[in-house]
Structures are given as C-alpha cells and as structure tokens.
Amino acid sequence: MPRRKAKIKARTITQSLGPLPLRIADNFLEQLLIFTDASQLRTGGMAAVLFSDSDAEPIIETRSVDGLGSNELELLAVLFGLLKAQMYFPIRKLTLFSDNIDAVNRMKRAKIKGIEQDPELSVLMPGLEMLAALDRADFCWIKGHSYCRGNTLADQYAREAAC
C-alpha cells in the first residue's frame, strides 16, 4: 500500500511592528535604519526605505532603471539607499540592511579596505558626500521575505518600481 504524502502546512509570517524584529531592534537604537531592495520585472526597480527611528513613518524612495543583472541592481539599490541617507540625514550614524549578501560584503570591504580597491565601485560612488555616508554606515544582511517589516516594505516598493 503506497504511503500518503504529508500535507504541507501553509507558513504564516507575522511582520514585526517596527522596522526590525524586537529580538534585534535593541542593537540598533538611535540609528537611522535603511532597507534596500531591487527587483527585475519588465524593467529594473529599486527602493530605499528609511526609518529615522523605530516609531517614525518611513521615508520611501524608488527608482526605475534599465534592466541589469541581479547583483548589479542590488548593489545600485544599496548605493541609492546611501545617497538618500546622505540627502535626508547628512550626519546621522546609519545601518543599511539588504537581503543581498554580495552587495553587503562588497560595501563592508569598501569601508574597511578603501573604495580604491574596487574600481567599479569607485566610479559608482563619486564625491565626498558618498564617502562620508560610507564612513558612518554599517551594513547588515537580513534574510529576505522574513519577519522584518523594513525588508518587506523595500521588497514591495522595489517590485512596484520595476513594473
């Protein structure tokens, strides 16, 4: 007699009330929180969601771009988030979250070893303002499509920008 397949239970994801889940929110008190994401649908789209604090309404910035590869688009979304942070909050310490580990590692490497070690990134980040934003930024990978409200908003607005 054949065995029955186990039923797959639908997974319910409950979003965090603030930009980050409570279990990690205390690690980022008093910091500007930026969530970036990119999407490829008909065109490319990217979004930056900025939270000045955990209770504030987010500032949402989006941009549509010509189709690029996924990693390039994710890196541009991170740079877009840094640019918007510099524009709205020019002196605040910030943490930028992305669900793309390659973009996060590349930015961490640029911060530690210097932007000159990555010629392509040097071209994408001209100007002292962007370097100042890089100096005061920390970069964190966050699991995509998870319990994090900030990441969910960035994903949603990046998809809308890509249509």
C-alpha atoms as a PDB file:
ATOM      1  CA  MET A   1       0.000   0.000   0.000  1.00  0.00           C
ATOM      2  CA  PRO A   2       1.526   3.344  -1.010  1.00  0.00           C
ATOM      3  CA  ARG A   3       2.338   5.882   1.690  1.00  0.00           C
ATOM      4  CA  ARG A   4       0.442   9.120   1.745  1.00  0.00           C
ATOM      5  CA  LYS A   5       2.388  12.302   1.314  1.00  0.00           C
ATOM      6  CA  ALA A   6       2.385  14.580   4.304  1.00  0.00           C
ATOM      7  CA  LYS A   7       0.322  17.709   3.857  1.00  0.00           C
ATOM      8  CA  ILE A   8       2.346  20.870   3.534  1.00  0.00           C
ATOM      9  CA  LYS A   9       1.257  23.401   6.107  1.00  0.00           C
ATOM     10  CA  ALA A  10       0.985  26.983   4.962  1.00  0.00           C
ATOM     11  CA  ARG A  11       3.609  29.081   6.692  1.00  0.00           C
ATOM     12  CA  THR A  12       2.276  32.201   8.334  1.00  0.00           C
ATOM     13  CA  ILE A  13       4.686  35.113   8.542  1.00  0.00           C
ATOM     14  CA  THR A  14       3.846  37.757  11.101  1.00  0.00           C
ATOM     15  CA  GLN A  15       5.548  41.047  10.351  1.00  0.00           C
ATOM     16  CA  SER A  16       7.371  42.946  13.058  1.00  0.00           C
ATOM     17  CA  LEU A  17       5.580  46.014  14.400  1.00  0.00           C
ATOM     18  CA  GLY A  18       8.646  48.196  13.988  1.00  0.00           C
ATOM     19  CA  PRO A  19      11.178  48.200  11.177  1.00  0.00           C
ATOM     20  CA  LEU A  20      13.101  45.314  12.790  1.00  0.00           C
ATOM     21  CA  PRO A  21      12.004  42.295  14.823  1.00  0.00           C
ATOM     22  CA  LEU A  22      12.051  43.017  18.557  1.00  0.00           C
ATOM     23  CA  ARG A  23      14.766  40.440  19.230  1.00  0.00           C
ATOM     24  CA  ILE A  24      17.334  42.524  17.319  1.00  0.00           C
ATOM     25  CA  ALA A  25      15.839  46.047  17.434  1.00  0.00           C
ATOM     26  CA  ASP A  26      17.730  46.994  20.617  1.00  0.00           C
ATOM     27  CA  ASN A  27      21.044  46.536  18.793  1.00  0.00           C
ATOM     28  CA  PHE A  28      20.229  49.487  16.524  1.00  0.00           C
ATOM     29  CA  LEU A  29      18.796  52.113  18.865  1.00  0.00           C
ATOM     30  CA  GLU A  30      19.440  55.751  17.939  1.00  0.00           C
ATOM     31  CA  GLN A  31      20.483  54.810  14.414  1.00  0.00           C
ATOM     32  CA  LEU A  32      18.988  55.622  11.076  1.00  0.00           C
ATOM     33  CA  LEU A  33      17.737  52.339   9.596  1.00  0.00           C
ATOM     34  CA  ILE A  34      17.752  51.907   5.832  1.00  0.00           C
ATOM     35  CA  PHE A  35      16.350  48.903   3.989  1.00  0.00           C
ATOM     36  CA  THR A  36      17.130  48.472   0.304  1.00  0.00           C
ATOM     37  CA  ASP A  37      15.952  46.019  -2.288  1.00  0.00           C
ATOM     38  CA  ALA A  38      15.852  45.600  -6.047  1.00  0.00           C
ATOM     39  CA  SER A  39      13.537  43.790  -8.412  1.00  0.00           C
ATOM     40  CA  GLN A  40      13.590  42.718 -12.037  1.00  0.00           C
ATOM     41  CA  LEU A  41      10.250  42.546 -13.760  1.00  0.00           C
ATOM     42  CA  ARG A  42       9.680  44.386 -17.027  1.00  0.00           C
ATOM     43  CA  THR A  43      12.358  46.875 -16.050  1.00  0.00           C
ATOM     44  CA  GLY A  44      14.588  47.066 -13.030  1.00  0.00           C
ATOM     45  CA  GLY A  45      13.360  48.781  -9.896  1.00  0.00           C
ATOM     46  CA  MET A  46      14.967  49.665  -6.611  1.00  0.00           C
ATOM     47  CA  ALA A  47      13.736  51.025  -3.325  1.00  0.00           C
ATOM     48  CA  ALA A  48      15.196  52.581  -0.194  1.00  0.00           C
ATOM     49  CA  VAL A  49      13.075  52.682   2.960  1.00  0.00           C
ATOM     50  CA  LEU A  50      14.463  54.991   5.650  1.00  0.00           C
ATOM     51  CA  PHE A  51      13.358  54.937   9.292  1.00  0.00           C
ATOM     52  CA  SER A  52      14.636  57.845  11.390  1.00  0.00           C
ATOM     53  CA  ASP A  53      13.598  55.851  14.479  1.00  0.00           C
ATOM     54  CA  SER A  54      11.525  52.781  15.223  1.00  0.00           C
ATOM     55  CA  ASP A  55       8.298  54.738  15.769  1.00  0.00           C
ATOM     56  CA  ALA A  56       8.560  57.088  12.780  1.00  0.00           C
ATOM     57  CA  GLU A  57       6.806  56.679   9.471  1.00  0.00           C
ATOM     58  CA  PRO A  58       9.261  55.545   6.806  1.00  0.00           C
ATOM     59  CA  ILE A  59      10.580  57.716   4.020  1.00  0.00           C
ATOM     60  CA  ILE A  60      10.205  55.712   0.822  1.00  0.00           C
ATOM     61  CA  GLU A  61      12.257  56.422  -2.292  1.00  0.00           C
ATOM     62  CA  THR A  62      12.074  54.394  -5.500  1.00  0.00           C
ATOM     63  CA  ARG A  63      13.651  54.471  -8.914  1.00  0.00           C
ATOM     64  CA  SER A  64      13.190  52.513 -12.123  1.00  0.00           C
ATOM     65  CA  VAL A  65      16.305  51.627 -14.100  1.00  0.00           C
ATOM     66  CA  ASP A  66      17.129  49.788 -17.281  1.00  0.00           C
ATOM     67  CA  GLY A  67      17.481  46.056 -16.840  1.00  0.00           C
ATOM     68  CA  LEU A  68      20.725  44.991 -15.199  1.00  0.00           C
ATOM     69  CA  GLY A  69      21.922  41.769 -13.670  1.00  0.00           C
ATOM     70  CA  SER A  70      20.513  40.927 -10.262  1.00  0.00           C
ATOM     71  CA  ASN A  71      23.701  41.566  -8.256  1.00  0.00           C
ATOM     72  CA  GLU A  72      24.444  44.831 -10.075  1.00  0.00           C
ATOM     73  CA  LEU A  73      20.910  46.025  -9.434  1.00  0.00           C
ATOM     74  CA  GLU A  74      21.119  45.083  -5.744  1.00  0.00           C
ATOM     75  CA  LEU A  75      24.425  46.976  -5.422  1.00  0.00           C
ATOM     76  CA  LEU A  76      22.858  50.026  -7.075  1.00  0.00           C
ATOM     77  CA  ALA A  77      19.962  49.794  -4.611  1.00  0.00           C
ATOM     78  CA  VAL A  78      22.431  49.874  -1.697  1.00  0.00           C
ATOM     79  CA  LEU A  79      24.177  52.911  -3.198  1.00  0.00           C
ATOM     80  CA  PHE A  80      20.764  54.515  -3.779  1.00  0.00           C
ATOM     81  CA  GLY A  81      19.987  53.984  -0.082  1.00  0.00           C
ATOM     82  CA  LEU A  82      23.287  55.601   0.925  1.00  0.00           C
ATOM     83  CA  LEU A  83      22.586  58.559  -1.350  1.00  0.00           C
ATOM     84  CA  LYS A  84      19.130  59.072   0.161  1.00  0.00           C
ATOM     85  CA  ALA A  85      20.540  58.801   3.691  1.00  0.00           C
ATOM     86  CA  GLN A  86      23.070  61.499   2.838  1.00  0.00           C
ATOM     87  CA  MET A  87      20.309  63.662   1.365  1.00  0.00           C
ATOM     88  CA  TYR A  88      17.833  63.395   4.273  1.00  0.00           C
ATOM     89  CA  PHE A  89      20.140  62.770   7.266  1.00  0.00           C
ATOM     90  CA  PRO A  90      23.642  64.028   6.381  1.00  0.00           C
ATOM     91  CA  ILE A  91      25.313  63.449   9.768  1.00  0.00           C
ATOM     92  CA  ARG A  92      23.468  60.517  11.367  1.00  0.00           C
ATOM     93  CA  LYS A  93      25.054  57.142  12.002  1.00  0.00           C
ATOM     94  CA  LEU A  94      23.195  54.580   9.952  1.00  0.00           C
ATOM     95  CA  THR A  95      22.777  50.905   9.400  1.00  0.00           C
ATOM     96  CA  LEU A  96      21.836  49.732   5.940  1.00  0.00           C
ATOM     97  CA  PHE A  97      20.091  46.381   5.539  1.00  0.00           C
ATOM     98  CA  SER A  98      19.974  44.395   2.324  1.00  0.00           C
ATOM     99  CA  ASP A  99      18.845  40.871   1.564  1.00  0.00           C
ATOM    100  CA  ASN A 100      21.703  40.512  -0.943  1.00  0.00           C
ATOM    101  CA  ILE A 101      24.807  39.185   0.822  1.00  0.00           C
ATOM    102  CA  ASP A 102      27.101  40.027  -2.108  1.00  0.00           C
ATOM    103  CA  ALA A 103      26.188  43.724  -2.009  1.00  0.00           C
ATOM    104  CA  VAL A 104      26.594  43.819   1.780  1.00  0.00           C
ATOM    105  CA  ASN A 105      30.015  42.147   1.660  1.00  0.00           C
ATOM    106  CA  ARG A 106      31.194  44.418  -1.141  1.00  0.00           C
ATOM    107  CA  MET A 107      30.233  47.533   0.822  1.00  0.00           C
ATOM    108  CA  LYS A 108      31.834  46.204   4.011  1.00  0.00           C
ATOM    109  CA  ARG A 109      35.041  45.508   2.080  1.00  0.00           C
ATOM    110  CA  ALA A 110      34.987  49.011   0.589  1.00  0.00           C
ATOM    111  CA  LYS A 111      34.573  50.525   4.034  1.00  0.00           C
ATOM    112  CA  ILE A 112      37.412  48.503   5.579  1.00  0.00           C
ATOM    113  CA  LYS A 113      39.936  48.370   2.731  1.00  0.00           C
ATOM    114  CA  GLY A 114      39.022  51.602   0.979  1.00  0.00           C
ATOM    115  CA  ILE A 115      36.958  52.376  -2.053  1.00  0.00           C
ATOM    116  CA  GLU A 116      40.049  52.381  -4.294  1.00  0.00           C
ATOM    117  CA  GLN A 117      40.343  48.591  -4.090  1.00  0.00           C
ATOM    118  CA  ASP A 118      37.135  48.291  -6.132  1.00  0.00           C
ATOM    119  CA  PRO A 119      37.479  50.401  -9.321  1.00  0.00           C
ATOM    120  CA  GLU A 120      33.888  49.779 -10.450  1.00  0.00           C
ATOM    121  CA  LEU A 121      32.530  50.882  -7.078  1.00  0.00           C
ATOM    122  CA  SER A 122      34.788  53.947  -7.165  1.00  0.00           C
ATOM    123  CA  VAL A 123      33.093  55.044 -10.384  1.00  0.00           C
ATOM    124  CA  LEU A 124      29.624  54.430  -8.931  1.00  0.00           C
ATOM    125  CA  MET A 125      30.370  56.405  -5.744  1.00  0.00           C
ATOM    126  CA  PRO A 126      31.829  59.726  -6.847  1.00  0.00           C
ATOM    127  CA  GLY A 127      32.023  62.654  -4.472  1.00  0.00           C
ATOM    128  CA  LEU A 128      32.957  63.257  -0.892  1.00  0.00           C
ATOM    129  CA  GLU A 129      29.325  63.120   0.242  1.00  0.00           C
ATOM    130  CA  MET A 130      29.021  59.442  -0.664  1.00  0.00           C
ATOM    131  CA  LEU A 131      32.333  58.638   1.005  1.00  0.00           C
ATOM    132  CA  ALA A 132      31.134  60.410   4.156  1.00  0.00           C
ATOM    133  CA  ALA A 133      27.974  58.284   4.108  1.00  0.00           C
ATOM    134  CA  LEU A 134      30.104  55.157   3.673  1.00  0.00           C
ATOM    135  CA  ASP A 135      32.251  56.124   6.672  1.00  0.00           C
ATOM    136  CA  ARG A 136      29.292  56.446   9.023  1.00  0.00           C
ATOM    137  CA  ALA A 137      27.439  53.389   7.740  1.00  0.00           C
ATOM    138  CA  ASP A 138      27.274  49.820   8.943  1.00  0.00           C
ATOM    139  CA  PHE A 139      25.999  47.141   6.585  1.00  0.00           C
ATOM    140  CA  CYS A 140      23.914  44.139   7.595  1.00  0.00           C
ATOM    141  CA  TRP A 141      22.490  41.237   5.678  1.00  0.00           C
ATOM    142  CA  ILE A 142      18.893  40.451   6.521  1.00  0.00           C
ATOM    143  CA  LYS A 143      17.017  37.398   5.365  1.00  0.00           C
ATOM    144  CA  GLY A 144      14.686  38.255   2.513  1.00  0.00           C
ATOM    145  CA  HIS A 145      10.945  37.641   2.776  1.00  0.00           C
ATOM    146  CA  SER A 146      11.147  37.306   6.542  1.00  0.00           C
ATOM    147  CA  TYR A 147       9.545  38.829   9.601  1.00  0.00           C
ATOM    148  CA  CYS A 148      11.226  42.202   9.114  1.00  0.00           C
ATOM    149  CA  ARG A 149       8.771  44.963   8.204  1.00  0.00           C
ATOM    150  CA  GLY A 150      11.515  47.184   6.747  1.00  0.00           C
ATOM    151  CA  ASN A 151      12.643  44.496   4.331  1.00  0.00           C
ATOM    152  CA  THR A 152       9.072  43.696   3.330  1.00  0.00           C
ATOM    153  CA  LEU A 153       8.400  47.349   2.507  1.00  0.00           C
ATOM    154  CA  ALA A 154      11.620  47.624   0.478  1.00  0.00           C
ATOM    155  CA  ASP A 155      10.694  44.485  -1.461  1.00  0.00           C
ATOM    156  CA  GLN A 156       7.163  45.744  -2.133  1.00  0.00           C
ATOM    157  CA  TYR A 157       8.262  49.174  -3.385  1.00  0.00           C
ATOM    158  CA  ALA A 158      11.117  47.755  -5.493  1.00  0.00           C
ATOM    159  CA  ARG A 159       8.604  45.488  -7.242  1.00  0.00           C
ATOM    160  CA  GLU A 160       6.289  48.431  -7.876  1.00  0.00           C
ATOM    161  CA  ALA A 161       9.174  50.476  -9.325  1.00  0.00           C
ATOM    162  CA  ALA A 162      10.073  47.604 -11.678  1.00  0.00           C
ATOM    163  CA  CYS A 163       6.647  47.462 -13.347  1.00  0.00           C
END
